[in-house]
Amino acid sequence: MGYRVHQTASGAVYALHGKNETQVWFSLYLFEHRHIDKEIKRLKARIGQLRHRLLRQEQKKEKLR
């Protein structure tokens, strides 16, 4: 997926082009709050999951010593 900014006569249009669909936002504010904020939240959750997994694996390693 790639982000693209398309220039129009009335300003910029922000588009996210996927394999099967394209999502379009007509202002930077909507793009940030409807897409970027959700993506940041998803990535923070994934980082938390990976940290927890790392902690568990380190505990297993210590237990085996």
N, C-alpha and C. Protein backbone atom coordinates (compact mmCIF):
# COMPACT_ATOMS: atom_id res chain seq x y z
N MET A 1 0.84 -1.17 0.00
CA MET A 1 0.00 0.00 0.00
C MET A 1 0.88 1.23 0.00
N GLY A 2 0.45 2.22 -0.73
CA GLY A 2 1.21 3.45 -0.78
C GLY A 2 0.32 4.66 -0.60
N TYR A 3 0.90 5.68 0.01
CA TYR A 3 0.18 6.93 0.19
C TYR A 3 0.51 7.85 -0.96
N ARG A 4 -0.48 8.55 -1.44
CA ARG A 4 -0.23 9.52 -2.50
C ARG A 4 -1.05 10.76 -2.23
N VAL A 5 -0.47 11.90 -2.55
CA VAL A 5 -1.17 13.17 -2.44
C VAL A 5 -1.43 13.64 -3.87
N HIS A 6 -2.69 13.82 -4.19
CA HIS A 6 -3.08 14.25 -5.53
C HIS A 6 -3.50 15.72 -5.45
N GLN A 7 -2.95 16.52 -6.31
CA GLN A 7 -3.30 17.93 -6.35
C GLN A 7 -4.53 18.13 -7.24
N THR A 8 -5.50 18.87 -6.70
CA THR A 8 -6.68 19.22 -7.48
C THR A 8 -6.83 20.73 -7.47
N ALA A 9 -7.80 21.25 -8.19
CA ALA A 9 -8.02 22.69 -8.24
C ALA A 9 -8.41 23.24 -6.87
N SER A 10 -9.11 22.43 -6.07
CA SER A 10 -9.58 22.90 -4.77
C SER A 10 -8.59 22.59 -3.65
N GLY A 11 -7.50 21.92 -3.95
CA GLY A 11 -6.50 21.58 -2.93
C GLY A 11 -5.98 20.19 -3.13
N ALA A 12 -5.54 19.59 -2.02
CA ALA A 12 -4.93 18.27 -2.09
C ALA A 12 -5.94 17.20 -1.67
N VAL A 13 -5.84 16.06 -2.30
CA VAL A 13 -6.64 14.89 -1.95
C VAL A 13 -5.65 13.81 -1.52
N TYR A 14 -5.89 13.20 -0.37
CA TYR A 14 -5.01 12.17 0.16
C TYR A 14 -5.61 10.81 -0.12
N ALA A 15 -4.83 9.94 -0.74
CA ALA A 15 -5.34 8.64 -1.16
C ALA A 15 -4.42 7.53 -0.68
N LEU A 16 -5.02 6.43 -0.28
CA LEU A 16 -4.30 5.23 0.09
C LEU A 16 -4.70 4.17 -0.92
N HIS A 17 -3.75 3.75 -1.74
CA HIS A 17 -4.03 2.79 -2.79
C HIS A 17 -3.68 1.39 -2.31
N GLY A 18 -4.68 0.53 -2.24
CA GLY A 18 -4.48 -0.86 -1.86
C GLY A 18 -4.61 -1.76 -3.07
N LYS A 19 -4.56 -3.05 -2.83
CA LYS A 19 -4.65 -4.01 -3.93
C LYS A 19 -6.04 -3.99 -4.58
N ASN A 20 -7.08 -3.96 -3.74
CA ASN A 20 -8.44 -4.05 -4.28
C ASN A 20 -9.26 -2.78 -4.14
N GLU A 21 -8.75 -1.81 -3.38
CA GLU A 21 -9.55 -0.60 -3.17
C GLU A 21 -8.65 0.60 -2.96
N THR A 22 -9.23 1.76 -3.10
CA THR A 22 -8.54 3.01 -2.84
C THR A 22 -9.39 3.80 -1.87
N GLN A 23 -8.77 4.26 -0.79
CA GLN A 23 -9.46 5.10 0.17
C GLN A 23 -9.02 6.54 -0.07
N VAL A 24 -9.97 7.47 -0.03
CA VAL A 24 -9.69 8.86 -0.34
C VAL A 24 -10.18 9.74 0.79
N TRP A 25 -9.34 10.72 1.16
CA TRP A 25 -9.71 11.72 2.16
C TRP A 25 -9.49 13.08 1.52
N PHE A 26 -10.38 14.02 1.81
CA PHE A 26 -10.31 15.32 1.16
C PHE A 26 -9.63 16.38 2.02
N SER A 27 -9.19 15.99 3.23
CA SER A 27 -8.41 16.91 4.03
C SER A 27 -7.37 16.13 4.82
N LEU A 28 -6.29 16.80 5.16
CA LEU A 28 -5.21 16.17 5.91
C LEU A 28 -5.70 15.77 7.29
N TYR A 29 -6.58 16.57 7.88
CA TYR A 29 -7.12 16.25 9.20
C TYR A 29 -7.85 14.90 9.19
N LEU A 30 -8.72 14.69 8.22
CA LEU A 30 -9.45 13.43 8.13
C LEU A 30 -8.51 12.26 7.88
N PHE A 31 -7.52 12.47 7.03
CA PHE A 31 -6.54 11.42 6.74
C PHE A 31 -5.81 11.03 8.02
N GLU A 32 -5.35 12.02 8.79
CA GLU A 32 -4.63 11.74 10.02
C GLU A 32 -5.50 11.01 11.03
N HIS A 33 -6.71 11.48 11.24
CA HIS A 33 -7.53 10.94 12.32
C HIS A 33 -8.25 9.65 11.96
N ARG A 34 -8.52 9.43 10.71
CA ARG A 34 -9.23 8.21 10.32
C ARG A 34 -8.29 7.08 9.91
N HIS A 35 -7.08 7.41 9.50
CA HIS A 35 -6.17 6.35 9.07
C HIS A 35 -4.89 6.31 9.92
N ILE A 36 -4.19 7.41 9.99
CA ILE A 36 -2.89 7.42 10.66
C ILE A 36 -3.03 7.10 12.14
N ASP A 37 -4.02 7.66 12.82
CA ASP A 37 -4.21 7.38 14.25
C ASP A 37 -4.49 5.90 14.49
N LYS A 38 -5.30 5.29 13.65
CA LYS A 38 -5.59 3.86 13.77
C LYS A 38 -4.34 3.04 13.54
N GLU A 39 -3.54 3.45 12.57
CA GLU A 39 -2.30 2.72 12.26
C GLU A 39 -1.31 2.82 13.43
N ILE A 40 -1.21 4.00 14.03
CA ILE A 40 -0.32 4.18 15.19
C ILE A 40 -0.79 3.30 16.35
N LYS A 41 -2.09 3.28 16.60
CA LYS A 41 -2.63 2.46 17.67
C LYS A 41 -2.35 0.98 17.43
N ARG A 42 -2.50 0.52 16.19
CA ARG A 42 -2.24 -0.87 15.84
C ARG A 42 -0.77 -1.21 16.04
N LEU A 43 0.11 -0.31 15.62
CA LEU A 43 1.55 -0.56 15.77
C LEU A 43 1.98 -0.57 17.24
N LYS A 44 1.40 0.32 18.06
CA LYS A 44 1.71 0.32 19.49
C LYS A 44 1.29 -0.99 20.14
N ALA A 45 0.12 -1.49 19.75
CA ALA A 45 -0.35 -2.77 20.28
C ALA A 45 0.58 -3.90 19.87
N ARG A 46 1.03 -3.88 18.63
CA ARG A 46 1.94 -4.93 18.14
C ARG A 46 3.27 -4.88 18.88
N ILE A 47 3.78 -3.69 19.14
CA ILE A 47 5.02 -3.55 19.90
C ILE A 47 4.84 -4.11 21.30
N GLY A 48 3.69 -3.84 21.93
CA GLY A 48 3.40 -4.39 23.25
C GLY A 48 3.37 -5.91 23.24
N GLN A 49 2.76 -6.48 22.22
CA GLN A 49 2.71 -7.94 22.10
C GLN A 49 4.11 -8.53 21.95
N LEU A 50 4.93 -7.89 21.13
CA LEU A 50 6.29 -8.39 20.91
C LEU A 50 7.15 -8.27 22.17
N ARG A 51 6.98 -7.17 22.92
CA ARG A 51 7.72 -7.01 24.17
C ARG A 51 7.32 -8.09 25.17
N HIS A 52 6.04 -8.37 25.25
CA HIS A 52 5.56 -9.41 26.17
C HIS A 52 6.12 -10.77 25.77
N ARG A 53 6.12 -11.06 24.48
CA ARG A 53 6.66 -12.33 23.99
C ARG A 53 8.15 -12.44 24.31
N LEU A 54 8.89 -11.35 24.12
CA LEU A 54 10.31 -11.34 24.43
C LEU A 54 10.54 -11.61 25.91
N LEU A 55 9.75 -10.97 26.77
CA LEU A 55 9.86 -11.19 28.21
C LEU A 55 9.60 -12.65 28.57
N ARG A 56 8.56 -13.25 27.98
CA ARG A 56 8.25 -14.66 28.23
C ARG A 56 9.39 -15.57 27.79
N GLN A 57 9.95 -15.28 26.62
CA GLN A 57 11.04 -16.11 26.11
C GLN A 57 12.30 -15.97 26.98
N GLU A 58 12.57 -14.78 27.47
CA GLU A 58 13.72 -14.57 28.35
C GLU A 58 13.50 -15.34 29.67
N GLN A 59 12.26 -15.34 30.18
CA GLN A 59 11.97 -16.08 31.40
C GLN A 59 12.14 -17.59 31.19
N LYS A 60 11.70 -18.08 30.04
CA LYS A 60 11.90 -19.50 29.71
C LYS A 60 13.38 -19.84 29.66
N LYS A 61 14.15 -18.95 29.04
CA LYS A 61 15.59 -19.16 28.91
C LYS A 61 16.24 -19.24 30.29
N GLU A 62 15.88 -18.35 31.19
CA GLU A 62 16.43 -18.35 32.53
C GLU A 62 16.01 -19.61 33.30
N LYS A 63 14.81 -20.06 33.06
CA LYS A 63 14.30 -21.26 33.73
C LYS A 63 15.09 -22.50 33.30
N LEU A 64 15.55 -22.54 32.05
CA LEU A 64 16.27 -23.69 31.53
C LEU A 64 17.73 -23.73 32.01
N ARG A 65 18.24 -22.65 32.51
CA ARG A 65 19.64 -22.62 32.95
C ARG A 65 19.84 -23.34 34.23
